[in-house]
Amino acid sequence: MDTKALVGILMGSDSDLSVMQDAAKVLADLGIGSEVHTLSAHRTPEEVVSYVQKSEGAGYKVFICGAGGAAHLAGVVAAHTALPVIGVPLASAKMGAAGVDALFSTVQMPPGIPVATVGIGGAKNAGILAAQMIGAGDEAVRAKVAEYKAKMAKDIKAKDAELQEKGFEKYLKDKGLI
């Protein structure tokens, strides 16, 4: 990627990449560089700390951490940085709790170790939130986020106009949903 990375995206397992890619994609759409790694709070804790320290020194602004089950990754990162950390709770097929366990683990951080938490599987929102955090101090990024949100609103209005024109049954049929 040509754009300097400002966001570190971490996940506890490569099986999380299918969800976490959404954060990297939305950041790329907004012109914000990111770096994606598989690092585990439990299996590679030293590497997590080393990565956080290296990334801070390289000028990163935000970390996004996706994890399921015990979901300790965001908390471990937050314990080792003064930068914002966004947690993405992930559903674990083995746990069968649809990600609620990871949500509770991510959101229930002790005082002094905050982790901003998005919804279960909400990597896209994590990317947008990271951009908004960066945009708080960068007018150009803030303008790109505003433009992105305006496009989402325009797309919804266009879909509603089509729905109103066709009616719901034809709309669903044309979309291949019935």
C-alpha atoms as a PDB file:
ATOM      1  CA  MET A   1       0.000   0.000   0.000  1.00  0.00           C
ATOM      2  CA  ASP A   2       1.391   3.414  -0.941  1.00  0.00           C
ATOM      3  CA  THR A   3      -0.338   5.243   1.896  1.00  0.00           C
ATOM      4  CA  LYS A   4       1.604   5.371   5.172  1.00  0.00           C
ATOM      5  CA  ALA A   5      -0.028   3.085   7.707  1.00  0.00           C
ATOM      6  CA  LEU A   6      -1.790   4.929  10.521  1.00  0.00           C
ATOM      7  CA  VAL A   7      -3.917   2.051  11.815  1.00  0.00           C
ATOM      8  CA  GLY A   8      -2.788  -1.320  13.088  1.00  0.00           C
ATOM      9  CA  ILE A   9      -5.382  -4.055  12.593  1.00  0.00           C
ATOM     10  CA  LEU A  10      -4.796  -7.116  14.726  1.00  0.00           C
ATOM     11  CA  MET A  11      -6.689 -10.366  15.037  1.00  0.00           C
ATOM     12  CA  GLY A  12      -6.142 -13.393  17.197  1.00  0.00           C
ATOM     13  CA  SER A  13      -6.490 -15.905  14.358  1.00  0.00           C
ATOM     14  CA  ASP A  14      -6.350 -15.907  10.576  1.00  0.00           C
ATOM     15  CA  SER A  15      -9.896 -17.289  10.618  1.00  0.00           C
ATOM     16  CA  ASP A  16     -10.931 -13.764  11.704  1.00  0.00           C
ATOM     17  CA  LEU A  17      -9.618 -12.201   8.502  1.00  0.00           C
ATOM     18  CA  SER A  18     -12.877 -12.707   6.610  1.00  0.00           C
ATOM     19  CA  VAL A  19     -14.503 -10.247   9.050  1.00  0.00           C
ATOM     20  CA  MET A  20     -11.548  -7.977   9.843  1.00  0.00           C
ATOM     21  CA  GLN A  21     -10.827  -7.279   6.171  1.00  0.00           C
ATOM     22  CA  ASP A  22     -13.825  -4.917   6.277  1.00  0.00           C
ATOM     23  CA  ALA A  23     -11.876  -2.523   8.510  1.00  0.00           C
ATOM     24  CA  ALA A  24      -8.899  -2.485   6.148  1.00  0.00           C
ATOM     25  CA  LYS A  25     -11.145  -2.013   3.111  1.00  0.00           C
ATOM     26  CA  VAL A  26     -13.062   0.964   4.495  1.00  0.00           C
ATOM     27  CA  LEU A  27      -9.824   2.586   5.646  1.00  0.00           C
ATOM     28  CA  ALA A  28      -8.368   2.116   2.149  1.00  0.00           C
ATOM     29  CA  ASP A  29     -11.553   3.629   0.672  1.00  0.00           C
ATOM     30  CA  LEU A  30     -10.944   6.658   2.896  1.00  0.00           C
ATOM     31  CA  GLY A  31      -7.272   6.904   1.883  1.00  0.00           C
ATOM     32  CA  ILE A  32      -5.945   5.764   5.265  1.00  0.00           C
ATOM     33  CA  GLY A  33      -3.169   3.205   5.324  1.00  0.00           C
ATOM     34  CA  SER A  34      -3.360   0.204   7.604  1.00  0.00           C
ATOM     35  CA  GLU A  35      -1.350  -2.868   8.437  1.00  0.00           C
ATOM     36  CA  VAL A  36      -3.011  -6.222   9.182  1.00  0.00           C
ATOM     37  CA  HIS A  37      -1.485  -8.871  11.467  1.00  0.00           C
ATOM     38  CA  THR A  38      -2.449 -12.090  13.175  1.00  0.00           C
ATOM     39  CA  LEU A  39      -1.121 -11.832  16.722  1.00  0.00           C
ATOM     40  CA  SER A  40      -2.528 -13.578  19.760  1.00  0.00           C
ATOM     41  CA  ALA A  41      -2.881 -12.129  23.245  1.00  0.00           C
ATOM     42  CA  HIS A  42      -2.273 -15.618  24.617  1.00  0.00           C
ATOM     43  CA  ARG A  43      -0.025 -17.427  22.122  1.00  0.00           C
ATOM     44  CA  THR A  44       2.248 -14.516  21.119  1.00  0.00           C
ATOM     45  CA  PRO A  45       1.981 -11.895  23.895  1.00  0.00           C
ATOM     46  CA  GLU A  46       5.552 -10.627  23.486  1.00  0.00           C
ATOM     47  CA  GLU A  47       5.000 -10.074  19.773  1.00  0.00           C
ATOM     48  CA  VAL A  48       1.804  -8.113  20.497  1.00  0.00           C
ATOM     49  CA  VAL A  49       3.675  -5.762  22.845  1.00  0.00           C
ATOM     50  CA  SER A  50       6.586  -5.424  20.413  1.00  0.00           C
ATOM     51  CA  TYR A  51       4.220  -4.634  17.542  1.00  0.00           C
ATOM     52  CA  VAL A  52       2.387  -1.983  19.575  1.00  0.00           C
ATOM     53  CA  GLN A  53       5.657  -0.299  20.564  1.00  0.00           C
ATOM     54  CA  LYS A  54       7.014  -0.418  16.994  1.00  0.00           C
ATOM     55  CA  SER A  55       3.759   0.962  15.601  1.00  0.00           C
ATOM     56  CA  GLU A  56       3.621   3.828  18.088  1.00  0.00           C
ATOM     57  CA  GLY A  57       7.161   4.775  17.061  1.00  0.00           C
ATOM     58  CA  ALA A  58       6.129   4.649  13.394  1.00  0.00           C
ATOM     59  CA  GLY A  59       3.365   7.207  13.944  1.00  0.00           C
ATOM     60  CA  TYR A  60       0.278   4.997  14.080  1.00  0.00           C
ATOM     61  CA  LYS A  61      -2.827   6.713  15.451  1.00  0.00           C
ATOM     62  CA  VAL A  62      -5.270   3.872  16.278  1.00  0.00           C
ATOM     63  CA  PHE A  63      -5.348   0.120  16.815  1.00  0.00           C
ATOM     64  CA  ILE A  64      -8.267  -2.111  15.823  1.00  0.00           C
ATOM     65  CA  CYS A  65      -8.333  -5.535  17.479  1.00  0.00           C
ATOM     66  CA  GLY A  66     -10.650  -8.381  16.571  1.00  0.00           C
ATOM     67  CA  ALA A  67     -10.991 -11.434  18.770  1.00  0.00           C
ATOM     68  CA  GLY A  68     -13.526 -14.052  19.775  1.00  0.00           C
ATOM     69  CA  GLY A  69     -13.931 -16.249  22.808  1.00  0.00           C
ATOM     70  CA  ALA A  70     -11.955 -14.753  25.694  1.00  0.00           C
ATOM     71  CA  ALA A  71     -11.314 -11.727  23.428  1.00  0.00           C
ATOM     72  CA  HIS A  72      -8.365 -10.364  25.380  1.00  0.00           C
ATOM     73  CA  LEU A  73      -6.442  -8.906  22.435  1.00  0.00           C
ATOM     74  CA  ALA A  74      -7.878  -5.377  22.552  1.00  0.00           C
ATOM     75  CA  GLY A  75      -7.328  -5.171  26.302  1.00  0.00           C
ATOM     76  CA  VAL A  76      -3.730  -6.344  26.033  1.00  0.00           C
ATOM     77  CA  VAL A  77      -3.060  -3.759  23.336  1.00  0.00           C
ATOM     78  CA  ALA A  78      -4.804  -1.034  25.379  1.00  0.00           C
ATOM     79  CA  ALA A  79      -2.663  -1.943  28.393  1.00  0.00           C
ATOM     80  CA  HIS A  80       0.476  -1.189  26.374  1.00  0.00           C
ATOM     81  CA  THR A  81      -0.437   2.045  24.581  1.00  0.00           C
ATOM     82  CA  ALA A  82      -1.860   5.501  25.159  1.00  0.00           C
ATOM     83  CA  LEU A  83      -3.348   5.436  21.643  1.00  0.00           C
ATOM     84  CA  PRO A  84      -7.030   4.658  21.041  1.00  0.00           C
ATOM     85  CA  VAL A  85      -7.930   0.983  20.759  1.00  0.00           C
ATOM     86  CA  ILE A  86     -11.110  -0.251  19.087  1.00  0.00           C
ATOM     87  CA  GLY A  87     -12.283  -3.763  19.872  1.00  0.00           C
ATOM     88  CA  VAL A  88     -14.244  -5.888  17.424  1.00  0.00           C
ATOM     89  CA  PRO A  89     -15.892  -8.798  19.242  1.00  0.00           C
ATOM     90  CA  LEU A  90     -16.059 -11.835  16.973  1.00  0.00           C
ATOM     91  CA  ALA A  91     -18.347 -14.824  17.033  1.00  0.00           C
ATOM     92  CA  SER A  92     -16.576 -18.102  17.644  1.00  0.00           C
ATOM     93  CA  ALA A  93     -17.978 -21.235  16.019  1.00  0.00           C
ATOM     94  CA  LYS A  94     -16.539 -23.312  18.864  1.00  0.00           C
ATOM     95  CA  MET A  95     -18.136 -21.225  21.619  1.00  0.00           C
ATOM     96  CA  GLY A  96     -21.662 -21.215  20.194  1.00  0.00           C
ATOM     97  CA  ALA A  97     -22.465 -17.948  21.955  1.00  0.00           C
ATOM     98  CA  ALA A  98     -22.806 -15.873  18.754  1.00  0.00           C
ATOM     99  CA  GLY A  99     -20.063 -13.526  19.946  1.00  0.00           C
ATOM    100  CA  VAL A 100     -21.802 -12.333  23.111  1.00  0.00           C
ATOM    101  CA  ASP A 101     -18.958 -13.775  25.197  1.00  0.00           C
ATOM    102  CA  ALA A 102     -16.446 -11.781  23.145  1.00  0.00           C
ATOM    103  CA  LEU A 103     -18.595  -8.655  23.410  1.00  0.00           C
ATOM    104  CA  PHE A 104     -18.623  -8.853  27.201  1.00  0.00           C
ATOM    105  CA  SER A 105     -14.890  -9.564  27.343  1.00  0.00           C
ATOM    106  CA  THR A 106     -14.098  -6.613  25.077  1.00  0.00           C
ATOM    107  CA  VAL A 107     -16.402  -4.054  26.621  1.00  0.00           C
ATOM    108  CA  GLN A 108     -15.730  -4.866  30.311  1.00  0.00           C
ATOM    109  CA  MET A 109     -12.295  -3.327  30.677  1.00  0.00           C
ATOM    110  CA  PRO A 110     -10.978  -2.190  34.058  1.00  0.00           C
ATOM    111  CA  PRO A 111     -10.741   1.531  34.892  1.00  0.00           C
ATOM    112  CA  GLY A 112      -7.839   3.193  33.105  1.00  0.00           C
ATOM    113  CA  ILE A 113      -7.710   0.703  30.208  1.00  0.00           C
ATOM    114  CA  PRO A 114     -10.532   1.820  27.880  1.00  0.00           C
ATOM    115  CA  VAL A 115     -11.372  -0.009  24.689  1.00  0.00           C
ATOM    116  CA  ALA A 116     -13.912   1.520  22.307  1.00  0.00           C
ATOM    117  CA  THR A 117     -16.097  -1.399  21.294  1.00  0.00           C
ATOM    118  CA  VAL A 118     -18.218  -1.829  18.183  1.00  0.00           C
ATOM    119  CA  GLY A 119     -20.899  -4.460  17.653  1.00  0.00           C
ATOM    120  CA  ILE A 120     -20.197  -8.142  17.167  1.00  0.00           C
ATOM    121  CA  GLY A 121     -18.481  -8.556  13.800  1.00  0.00           C
ATOM    122  CA  GLY A 122     -18.516  -4.779  13.285  1.00  0.00           C
ATOM    123  CA  ALA A 123     -15.115  -4.423  11.624  1.00  0.00           C
ATOM    124  CA  LYS A 124     -16.440  -1.944   9.046  1.00  0.00           C
ATOM    125  CA  ASN A 125     -17.697   0.310  11.830  1.00  0.00           C
ATOM    126  CA  ALA A 126     -14.329  -0.054  13.558  1.00  0.00           C
ATOM    127  CA  GLY A 127     -12.628   1.209  10.402  1.00  0.00           C
ATOM    128  CA  ILE A 128     -15.000   4.156  10.156  1.00  0.00           C
ATOM    129  CA  LEU A 129     -14.534   4.942  13.864  1.00  0.00           C
ATOM    130  CA  ALA A 130     -10.746   4.831  13.454  1.00  0.00           C
ATOM    131  CA  ALA A 131     -11.053   7.268  10.541  1.00  0.00           C
ATOM    132  CA  GLN A 132     -13.240   9.554  12.655  1.00  0.00           C
ATOM    133  CA  MET A 133     -10.647   9.474  15.455  1.00  0.00           C
ATOM    134  CA  ILE A 134      -7.908  10.388  13.003  1.00  0.00           C
ATOM    135  CA  GLY A 135     -10.216  12.974  11.436  1.00  0.00           C
ATOM    136  CA  ALA A 136     -10.590  14.750  14.774  1.00  0.00           C
ATOM    137  CA  GLY A 137      -7.107  16.126  14.153  1.00  0.00           C
ATOM    138  CA  ASP A 138      -6.958  15.983  10.359  1.00  0.00           C
ATOM    139  CA  GLU A 139      -9.410  18.066   8.364  1.00  0.00           C
ATOM    140  CA  ALA A 140      -8.770  16.194   5.105  1.00  0.00           C
ATOM    141  CA  VAL A 141      -9.639  12.838   6.701  1.00  0.00           C
ATOM    142  CA  ARG A 142     -12.695  14.356   8.371  1.00  0.00           C
ATOM    143  CA  ALA A 143     -13.883  15.608   4.965  1.00  0.00           C
ATOM    144  CA  LYS A 144     -13.419  12.127   3.453  1.00  0.00           C
ATOM    145  CA  VAL A 145     -15.473  10.574   6.262  1.00  0.00           C
ATOM    146  CA  ALA A 146     -18.224  13.161   5.724  1.00  0.00           C
ATOM    147  CA  GLU A 147     -18.175  12.411   1.979  1.00  0.00           C
ATOM    148  CA  TYR A 148     -18.340   8.650   2.682  1.00  0.00           C
ATOM    149  CA  LYS A 149     -21.369   9.111   4.930  1.00  0.00           C
ATOM    150  CA  ALA A 150     -23.062  11.391   2.383  1.00  0.00           C
ATOM    151  CA  LYS A 151     -22.586   8.673  -0.264  1.00  0.00           C
ATOM    152  CA  MET A 152     -24.179   6.094   2.057  1.00  0.00           C
ATOM    153  CA  ALA A 153     -27.186   8.397   2.493  1.00  0.00           C
ATOM    154  CA  LYS A 154     -27.435   8.933  -1.271  1.00  0.00           C
ATOM    155  CA  ASP A 155     -27.317   5.168  -1.876  1.00  0.00           C
ATOM    156  CA  ILE A 156     -30.125   4.543   0.637  1.00  0.00           C
ATOM    157  CA  LYS A 157     -32.283   7.255  -0.949  1.00  0.00           C
ATOM    158  CA  ALA A 158     -31.745   5.699  -4.386  1.00  0.00           C
ATOM    159  CA  LYS A 159     -32.715   2.255  -3.086  1.00  0.00           C
ATOM    160  CA  ASP A 160     -35.833   3.675  -1.461  1.00  0.00           C
ATOM    161  CA  ALA A 161     -36.816   5.443  -4.681  1.00  0.00           C
ATOM    162  CA  GLU A 162     -36.465   2.139  -6.565  1.00  0.00           C
ATOM    163  CA  LEU A 163     -38.473   0.329  -3.868  1.00  0.00           C
ATOM    164  CA  GLN A 164     -41.236   2.928  -4.037  1.00  0.00           C
ATOM    165  CA  GLU A 165     -41.319   2.753  -7.822  1.00  0.00           C
ATOM    166  CA  LYS A 166     -41.423  -1.064  -8.065  1.00  0.00           C
ATOM    167  CA  GLY A 167     -43.141  -2.095  -4.850  1.00  0.00           C
ATOM    168  CA  PHE A 168     -41.563  -4.505  -2.420  1.00  0.00           C
ATOM    169  CA  GLU A 169     -42.341  -7.774  -4.243  1.00  0.00           C
ATOM    170  CA  LYS A 170     -40.872  -6.706  -7.619  1.00  0.00           C
ATOM    171  CA  TYR A 171     -37.951  -5.038  -5.829  1.00  0.00           C
ATOM    172  CA  LEU A 172     -37.113  -8.276  -3.982  1.00  0.00           C
ATOM    173  CA  LYS A 173     -37.587 -10.359  -7.131  1.00  0.00           C
ATOM    174  CA  ASP A 174     -35.318  -8.060  -9.185  1.00  0.00           C
ATOM    175  CA  LYS A 175     -32.659  -8.345  -6.444  1.00  0.00           C
ATOM    176  CA  GLY A 176     -32.951 -12.148  -6.536  1.00  0.00           C
ATOM    177  CA  LEU A 177     -34.143 -12.272  -2.950  1.00  0.00           C
ATOM    178  CA  ILE A 178     -37.387 -14.162  -3.635  1.00  0.00           C
END
